[in-house]
């Protein structure tokens, strides 16, 4: 299972992140501590402490999709 570390620092970055993750047909989770949120849920993401580094967990084994996702999220990756 692939994990991607990201940082979402502004309201605009959260909106862009949700836009980018919403176009993928598979589930994508964001974890912060013990909380697991749907990466496609803007309200869920705003419930997290955005000062922390977040972990993105895509639920797919398709390497091509994983590469595309990483490319889409490159501006958020830490």
PDB file of N, CA and C in Angstrom:
ATOM      1  N   UNK A   1       0.847  -1.175   0.000  1.00  0.00           N
ATOM      2  CA  UNK A   1       0.000   0.000   0.000  1.00  0.00           C
ATOM      3  C   UNK A   1       0.897   1.245   0.000  1.00  0.00           C
ATOM      4  N   UNK A   2       0.646   2.117  -0.935  1.00  0.00           N
ATOM      5  CA  UNK A   2       1.423   3.344  -1.107  1.00  0.00           C
ATOM      6  C   UNK A   2       0.922   4.411  -0.143  1.00  0.00           C
ATOM      7  N   UNK A   3       1.851   5.161   0.427  1.00  0.00           N
ATOM      8  CA  UNK A   3       1.510   6.302   1.285  1.00  0.00           C
ATOM      9  C   UNK A   3       2.234   7.525   0.757  1.00  0.00           C
ATOM     10  N   UNK A   4       1.516   8.640   0.689  1.00  0.00           N
ATOM     11  CA  UNK A   4       2.077   9.902   0.209  1.00  0.00           C
ATOM     12  C   UNK A   4       1.889  10.939   1.310  1.00  0.00           C
ATOM     13  N   UNK A   5       2.964  11.581   1.715  1.00  0.00           N
ATOM     14  CA  UNK A   5       2.901  12.626   2.747  1.00  0.00           C
ATOM     15  C   UNK A   5       2.628  13.970   2.078  1.00  0.00           C
ATOM     16  N   UNK A   6       1.599  14.673   2.557  1.00  0.00           N
ATOM     17  CA  UNK A   6       1.237  15.968   1.971  1.00  0.00           C
ATOM     18  C   UNK A   6       1.026  17.010   3.067  1.00  0.00           C
ATOM     19  N   UNK A   7       1.053  18.261   2.644  1.00  0.00           N
ATOM     20  CA  UNK A   7       0.780  19.392   3.535  1.00  0.00           C
ATOM     21  C   UNK A   7      -0.212  20.292   2.817  1.00  0.00           C
ATOM     22  N   UNK A   8      -1.342  20.560   3.457  1.00  0.00           N
ATOM     23  CA  UNK A   8      -2.367  21.448   2.912  1.00  0.00           C
ATOM     24  C   UNK A   8      -2.424  22.673   3.819  1.00  0.00           C
ATOM     25  N   UNK A   9      -1.950  23.795   3.315  1.00  0.00           N
ATOM     26  CA  UNK A   9      -1.752  24.949   4.191  1.00  0.00           C
ATOM     27  C   UNK A   9      -2.805  26.044   4.048  1.00  0.00           C
ATOM     28  N   UNK A  10      -3.544  26.046   2.953  1.00  0.00           N
ATOM     29  CA  UNK A  10      -4.535  27.108   2.741  1.00  0.00           C
ATOM     30  C   UNK A  10      -5.881  26.512   2.352  1.00  0.00           C
ATOM     31  N   UNK A  11      -6.907  27.330   2.412  1.00  0.00           N
ATOM     32  CA  UNK A  11      -8.238  26.911   1.976  1.00  0.00           C
ATOM     33  C   UNK A  11      -8.189  26.539   0.498  1.00  0.00           C
ATOM     34  N   UNK A  12      -7.482  27.343  -0.275  1.00  0.00           N
ATOM     35  CA  UNK A  12      -7.360  27.086  -1.713  1.00  0.00           C
ATOM     36  C   UNK A  12      -6.653  25.758  -1.990  1.00  0.00           C
ATOM     37  N   UNK A  13      -5.632  25.432  -1.201  1.00  0.00           N
ATOM     38  CA  UNK A  13      -4.928  24.159  -1.418  1.00  0.00           C
ATOM     39  C   UNK A  13      -5.830  22.968  -1.092  1.00  0.00           C
ATOM     40  N   UNK A  14      -6.686  23.103  -0.091  1.00  0.00           N
ATOM     41  CA  UNK A  14      -7.630  22.027   0.232  1.00  0.00           C
ATOM     42  C   UNK A  14      -8.617  21.842  -0.920  1.00  0.00           C
ATOM     43  N   UNK A  15      -9.135  22.945  -1.448  1.00  0.00           N
ATOM     44  CA  UNK A  15     -10.075  22.862  -2.574  1.00  0.00           C
ATOM     45  C   UNK A  15      -9.412  22.219  -3.790  1.00  0.00           C
ATOM     46  N   UNK A  16      -8.183  22.604  -4.097  1.00  0.00           N
ATOM     47  CA  UNK A  16      -7.466  22.020  -5.229  1.00  0.00           C
ATOM     48  C   UNK A  16      -7.196  20.535  -5.011  1.00  0.00           C
ATOM     49  N   UNK A  17      -6.826  20.179  -3.783  1.00  0.00           N
ATOM     50  CA  UNK A  17      -6.559  18.782  -3.438  1.00  0.00           C
ATOM     51  C   UNK A  17      -7.808  17.926  -3.666  1.00  0.00           C
ATOM     52  N   UNK A  18      -8.953  18.401  -3.191  1.00  0.00           N
ATOM     53  CA  UNK A  18     -10.211  17.652  -3.350  1.00  0.00           C
ATOM     54  C   UNK A  18     -10.577  17.537  -4.831  1.00  0.00           C
ATOM     55  N   UNK A  19     -10.394  18.606  -5.591  1.00  0.00           N
ATOM     56  CA  UNK A  19     -10.644  18.557  -7.041  1.00  0.00           C
ATOM     57  C   UNK A  19      -9.808  17.480  -7.705  1.00  0.00           C
ATOM     58  N   UNK A  20      -8.541  17.429  -7.353  1.00  0.00           N
ATOM     59  CA  UNK A  20      -7.627  16.484  -7.984  1.00  0.00           C
ATOM     60  C   UNK A  20      -7.923  15.041  -7.586  1.00  0.00           C
ATOM     61  N   UNK A  21      -8.230  14.806  -6.325  1.00  0.00           N
ATOM     62  CA  UNK A  21      -8.490  13.431  -5.882  1.00  0.00           C
ATOM     63  C   UNK A  21      -9.860  12.934  -6.342  1.00  0.00           C
ATOM     64  N   UNK A  22     -10.798  13.844  -6.544  1.00  0.00           N
ATOM     65  CA  UNK A  22     -12.162  13.447  -6.924  1.00  0.00           C
ATOM     66  C   UNK A  22     -12.246  12.828  -8.307  1.00  0.00           C
ATOM     67  N   UNK A  23     -11.271  13.059  -9.142  1.00  0.00           N
ATOM     68  CA  UNK A  23     -11.348  12.507 -10.503  1.00  0.00           C
ATOM     69  C   UNK A  23     -10.894  11.049 -10.590  1.00  0.00           C
ATOM     70  N   UNK A  24     -10.434  10.484  -9.489  1.00  0.00           N
ATOM     71  CA  UNK A  24      -9.986   9.090  -9.492  1.00  0.00           C
ATOM     72  C   UNK A  24     -11.128   8.179  -9.046  1.00  0.00           C
ATOM     73  N   UNK A  25     -11.289   7.015  -9.725  1.00  0.00           N
ATOM     74  CA  UNK A  25     -12.425   6.133  -9.426  1.00  0.00           C
ATOM     75  C   UNK A  25     -12.261   5.273  -8.175  1.00  0.00           C
ATOM     76  N   UNK A  26     -11.067   5.238  -7.608  1.00  0.00           N
ATOM     77  CA  UNK A  26     -10.820   4.403  -6.432  1.00  0.00           C
ATOM     78  C   UNK A  26     -10.857   5.260  -5.163  1.00  0.00           C
ATOM     79  N   UNK A  27     -10.997   4.590  -4.017  1.00  0.00           N
ATOM     80  CA  UNK A  27     -11.025   5.294  -2.735  1.00  0.00           C
ATOM     81  C   UNK A  27      -9.634   5.825  -2.400  1.00  0.00           C
ATOM     82  N   UNK A  28      -9.610   7.009  -1.798  1.00  0.00           N
ATOM     83  CA  UNK A  28      -8.369   7.615  -1.325  1.00  0.00           C
ATOM     84  C   UNK A  28      -8.650   8.133   0.079  1.00  0.00           C
ATOM     85  N   UNK A  29      -7.861   7.690   1.037  1.00  0.00           N
ATOM     86  CA  UNK A  29      -8.010   8.143   2.419  1.00  0.00           C
ATOM     87  C   UNK A  29      -6.917   9.140   2.765  1.00  0.00           C
ATOM     88  N   UNK A  30      -7.222  10.015   3.714  1.00  0.00           N
ATOM     89  CA  UNK A  30      -6.229  10.904   4.305  1.00  0.00           C
ATOM     90  C   UNK A  30      -6.233  10.614   5.795  1.00  0.00           C
ATOM     91  N   UNK A  31      -5.052  10.361   6.354  1.00  0.00           N
ATOM     92  CA  UNK A  31      -4.972  10.086   7.788  1.00  0.00           C
ATOM     93  C   UNK A  31      -4.161  11.169   8.484  1.00  0.00           C
ATOM     94  N   UNK A  32      -4.594  11.454   9.688  1.00  0.00           N
ATOM     95  CA  UNK A  32      -3.882  12.364  10.578  1.00  0.00           C
ATOM     96  C   UNK A  32      -4.035  11.795  11.976  1.00  0.00           C
ATOM     97  N   UNK A  33      -2.964  11.238  12.498  1.00  0.00           N
ATOM     98  CA  UNK A  33      -3.066  10.576  13.799  1.00  0.00           C
ATOM     99  C   UNK A  33      -3.997   9.384  13.690  1.00  0.00           C
ATOM    100  N   UNK A  34      -5.016   9.358  14.512  1.00  0.00           N
ATOM    101  CA  UNK A  34      -5.949   8.231  14.489  1.00  0.00           C
ATOM    102  C   UNK A  34      -7.169   8.484  13.613  1.00  0.00           C
ATOM    103  N   UNK A  35      -7.229   9.654  12.986  1.00  0.00           N
ATOM    104  CA  UNK A  35      -8.372  10.011  12.142  1.00  0.00           C
ATOM    105  C   UNK A  35      -8.135   9.601  10.696  1.00  0.00           C
ATOM    106  N   UNK A  36      -9.163   9.016  10.087  1.00  0.00           N
ATOM    107  CA  UNK A  36      -9.124   8.633   8.683  1.00  0.00           C
ATOM    108  C   UNK A  36     -10.292   9.330   7.992  1.00  0.00           C
ATOM    109  N   UNK A  37      -9.972  10.117   6.959  1.00  0.00           N
ATOM    110  CA  UNK A  37     -10.959  10.933   6.260  1.00  0.00           C
ATOM    111  C   UNK A  37     -10.922  10.574   4.775  1.00  0.00           C
ATOM    112  N   UNK A  38     -12.066  10.656   4.119  1.00  0.00           N
ATOM    113  CA  UNK A  38     -12.139  10.491   2.667  1.00  0.00           C
ATOM    114  C   UNK A  38     -11.472  11.696   2.013  1.00  0.00           C
ATOM    115  N   UNK A  39     -10.481  11.458   1.156  1.00  0.00           N
ATOM    116  CA  UNK A  39      -9.739  12.545   0.516  1.00  0.00           C
ATOM    117  C   UNK A  39     -10.603  13.378  -0.423  1.00  0.00           C
ATOM    118  N   UNK A  40     -11.773  12.875  -0.772  1.00  0.00           N
ATOM    119  CA  UNK A  40     -12.669  13.576  -1.686  1.00  0.00           C
ATOM    120  C   UNK A  40     -13.698  14.416  -0.932  1.00  0.00           C
ATOM    121  N   UNK A  41     -13.576  14.471   0.394  1.00  0.00           N
ATOM    122  CA  UNK A  41     -14.518  15.201   1.242  1.00  0.00           C
ATOM    123  C   UNK A  41     -13.891  16.498   1.753  1.00  0.00           C
ATOM    124  N   UNK A  42     -14.339  17.608   1.217  1.00  0.00           N
ATOM    125  CA  UNK A  42     -13.780  18.898   1.631  1.00  0.00           C
ATOM    126  C   UNK A  42     -14.101  19.174   3.099  1.00  0.00           C
ATOM    127  N   UNK A  43     -15.293  18.831   3.539  1.00  0.00           N
ATOM    128  CA  UNK A  43     -15.662  19.048   4.941  1.00  0.00           C
ATOM    129  C   UNK A  43     -14.838  18.156   5.865  1.00  0.00           C
ATOM    130  N   UNK A  44     -14.599  16.930   5.431  1.00  0.00           N
ATOM    131  CA  UNK A  44     -13.773  16.021   6.225  1.00  0.00           C
ATOM    132  C   UNK A  44     -12.359  16.552   6.395  1.00  0.00           C
ATOM    133  N   UNK A  45     -11.787  17.067   5.316  1.00  0.00           N
ATOM    134  CA  UNK A  45     -10.421  17.601   5.390  1.00  0.00           C
ATOM    135  C   UNK A  45     -10.345  18.817   6.298  1.00  0.00           C
ATOM    136  N   UNK A  46     -11.366  19.660   6.254  1.00  0.00           N
ATOM    137  CA  UNK A  46     -11.352  20.839   7.123  1.00  0.00           C
ATOM    138  C   UNK A  46     -11.532  20.470   8.598  1.00  0.00           C
ATOM    139  N   UNK A  47     -11.958  19.238   8.881  1.00  0.00           N
ATOM    140  CA  UNK A  47     -12.091  18.810  10.277  1.00  0.00           C
ATOM    141  C   UNK A  47     -10.744  18.399  10.876  1.00  0.00           C
ATOM    142  N   UNK A  48      -9.727  18.254  10.016  1.00  0.00           N
ATOM    143  CA  UNK A  48      -8.393  17.858  10.488  1.00  0.00           C
ATOM    144  C   UNK A  48      -7.572  19.086  10.871  1.00  0.00           C
ATOM    145  N   UNK A  49      -6.535  18.865  11.656  1.00  0.00           N
ATOM    146  CA  UNK A  49      -5.580  19.924  11.970  1.00  0.00           C
ATOM    147  C   UNK A  49      -4.632  20.040  10.784  1.00  0.00           C
ATOM    148  N   UNK A  50      -4.807  21.077   9.972  1.00  0.00           N
ATOM    149  CA  UNK A  50      -4.039  21.204   8.742  1.00  0.00           C
ATOM    150  C   UNK A  50      -2.620  21.709   8.966  1.00  0.00           C
ATOM    151  N   UNK A  51      -2.254  21.935  10.217  1.00  0.00           N
ATOM    152  CA  UNK A  51      -0.863  22.298  10.500  1.00  0.00           C
ATOM    153  C   UNK A  51       0.038  21.069  10.494  1.00  0.00           C
ATOM    154  N   UNK A  52      -0.575  19.891  10.573  1.00  0.00           N
ATOM    155  CA  UNK A  52       0.184  18.644  10.567  1.00  0.00           C
ATOM    156  C   UNK A  52       0.392  18.146   9.142  1.00  0.00           C
ATOM    157  N   UNK A  53       1.427  17.334   8.958  1.00  0.00           N
ATOM    158  CA  UNK A  53       1.613  16.622   7.691  1.00  0.00           C
ATOM    159  C   UNK A  53       0.581  15.500   7.656  1.00  0.00           C
ATOM    160  N   UNK A  54      -0.091  15.350   6.529  1.00  0.00           N
ATOM    161  CA  UNK A  54      -1.134  14.347   6.368  1.00  0.00           C
ATOM    162  C   UNK A  54      -0.609  13.201   5.505  1.00  0.00           C
ATOM    163  N   UNK A  55      -1.174  12.025   5.695  1.00  0.00           N
ATOM    164  CA  UNK A  55      -0.793  10.858   4.910  1.00  0.00           C
ATOM    165  C   UNK A  55      -1.945  10.490   3.983  1.00  0.00           C
ATOM    166  N   UNK A  56      -1.657  10.427   2.687  1.00  0.00           N
ATOM    167  CA  UNK A  56      -2.641  10.041   1.678  1.00  0.00           C
ATOM    168  C   UNK A  56      -2.435   8.569   1.361  1.00  0.00           C
ATOM    169  N   UNK A  57      -3.532   7.797   1.411  1.00  0.00           N
ATOM    170  CA  UNK A  57      -3.466   6.365   1.148  1.00  0.00           C
ATOM    171  C   UNK A  57      -4.442   6.028   0.018  1.00  0.00           C
ATOM    172  N   UNK A  58      -3.932   5.863  -1.204  1.00  0.00           N
ATOM    173  CA  UNK A  58      -4.806   5.461  -2.322  1.00  0.00           C
ATOM    174  C   UNK A  58      -5.054   3.954  -2.277  1.00  0.00           C
ATOM    175  N   UNK A  59      -6.306   3.561  -2.481  1.00  0.00           N
ATOM    176  CA  UNK A  59      -6.669   2.147  -2.429  1.00  0.00           C
ATOM    177  C   UNK A  59      -6.771   1.578  -3.841  1.00  0.00           C
ATOM    178  N   UNK A  60      -5.608   1.402  -4.458  1.00  0.00           N
ATOM    179  CA  UNK A  60      -5.526   0.792  -5.780  1.00  0.00           C
ATOM    180  C   UNK A  60      -4.160   0.131  -5.922  1.00  0.00           C
ATOM    181  N   UNK A  61      -4.102  -0.859  -6.783  1.00  0.00           N
ATOM    182  CA  UNK A  61      -2.825  -1.507  -7.066  1.00  0.00           C
ATOM    183  C   UNK A  61      -2.347  -1.169  -8.471  1.00  0.00           C
ATOM    184  N   UNK A  62      -3.091  -0.347  -9.173  1.00  0.00           N
ATOM    185  CA  UNK A  62      -2.745   0.053 -10.532  1.00  0.00           C
ATOM    186  C   UNK A  62      -1.604   1.069 -10.508  1.00  0.00           C
ATOM    187  N   UNK A  63      -0.426   0.627 -10.927  1.00  0.00           N
ATOM    188  CA  UNK A  63       0.772   1.482 -10.875  1.00  0.00           C
ATOM    189  C   UNK A  63       0.618   2.744 -11.717  1.00  0.00           C
ATOM    190  N   UNK A  64      -0.047   2.628 -12.845  1.00  0.00           N
ATOM    191  CA  UNK A  64      -0.259   3.784 -13.727  1.00  0.00           C
ATOM    192  C   UNK A  64      -1.082   4.859 -13.011  1.00  0.00           C
ATOM    193  N   UNK A  65      -2.145   4.445 -12.352  1.00  0.00           N
ATOM    194  CA  UNK A  65      -2.990   5.389 -11.605  1.00  0.00           C
ATOM    195  C   UNK A  65      -2.233   6.019 -10.448  1.00  0.00           C
ATOM    196  N   UNK A  66      -1.407   5.231  -9.770  1.00  0.00           N
ATOM    197  CA  UNK A  66      -0.618   5.757  -8.663  1.00  0.00           C
ATOM    198  C   UNK A  66       0.359   6.833  -9.137  1.00  0.00           C
ATOM    199  N   UNK A  67       0.984   6.594 -10.291  1.00  0.00           N
ATOM    200  CA  UNK A  67       1.909   7.587 -10.840  1.00  0.00           C
ATOM    201  C   UNK A  67       1.178   8.877 -11.204  1.00  0.00           C
ATOM    202  N   UNK A  68      -0.004   8.736 -11.810  1.00  0.00           N
ATOM    203  CA  UNK A  68      -0.800   9.914 -12.181  1.00  0.00           C
ATOM    204  C   UNK A  68      -1.224  10.685 -10.937  1.00  0.00           C
ATOM    205  N   UNK A  69      -1.636   9.960  -9.903  1.00  0.00           N
ATOM    206  CA  UNK A  69      -2.046  10.603  -8.656  1.00  0.00           C
ATOM    207  C   UNK A  69      -0.876  11.370  -8.046  1.00  0.00           C
ATOM    208  N   UNK A  70       0.283  10.737  -7.987  1.00  0.00           N
ATOM    209  CA  UNK A  70       1.464  11.415  -7.438  1.00  0.00           C
ATOM    210  C   UNK A  70       1.810  12.670  -8.233  1.00  0.00           C
ATOM    211  N   UNK A  71       1.677  12.584  -9.542  1.00  0.00           N
ATOM    212  CA  UNK A  71       1.948  13.743 -10.396  1.00  0.00           C
ATOM    213  C   UNK A  71       0.944  14.864 -10.114  1.00  0.00           C
ATOM    214  N   UNK A  72      -0.326  14.502  -9.956  1.00  0.00           N
ATOM    215  CA  UNK A  72      -1.360  15.498  -9.654  1.00  0.00           C
ATOM    216  C   UNK A  72      -1.142  16.168  -8.298  1.00  0.00           C
ATOM    217  N   UNK A  73      -0.624  15.409  -7.344  1.00  0.00           N
ATOM    218  CA  UNK A  73      -0.470  15.919  -5.976  1.00  0.00           C
ATOM    219  C   UNK A  73       0.912  16.487  -5.692  1.00  0.00           C
ATOM    220  N   UNK A  74       1.769  16.581  -6.690  1.00  0.00           N
ATOM    221  CA  UNK A  74       3.167  16.976  -6.458  1.00  0.00           C
ATOM    222  C   UNK A  74       3.311  18.317  -5.750  1.00  0.00           C
ATOM    223  N   UNK A  75       2.383  19.253  -5.964  1.00  0.00           N
ATOM    224  CA  UNK A  75       2.485  20.561  -5.311  1.00  0.00           C
ATOM    225  C   UNK A  75       2.235  20.484  -3.796  1.00  0.00           C
ATOM    226  N   UNK A  76       1.598  19.382  -3.341  1.00  0.00           N
ATOM    227  CA  UNK A  76       1.281  19.220  -1.917  1.00  0.00           C
ATOM    228  C   UNK A  76       2.263  18.296  -1.196  1.00  0.00           C
ATOM    229  N   UNK A  77       3.046  17.529  -1.937  1.00  0.00           N
ATOM    230  CA  UNK A  77       3.920  16.506  -1.343  1.00  0.00           C
ATOM    231  C   UNK A  77       5.076  17.166  -0.592  1.00  0.00           C
ATOM    232  N   UNK A  78       5.322  16.650   0.615  1.00  0.00           N
ATOM    233  CA  UNK A  78       6.450  17.150   1.424  1.00  0.00           C
ATOM    234  C   UNK A  78       7.553  16.111   1.488  1.00  0.00           C
TER     235      UNK A  78
END
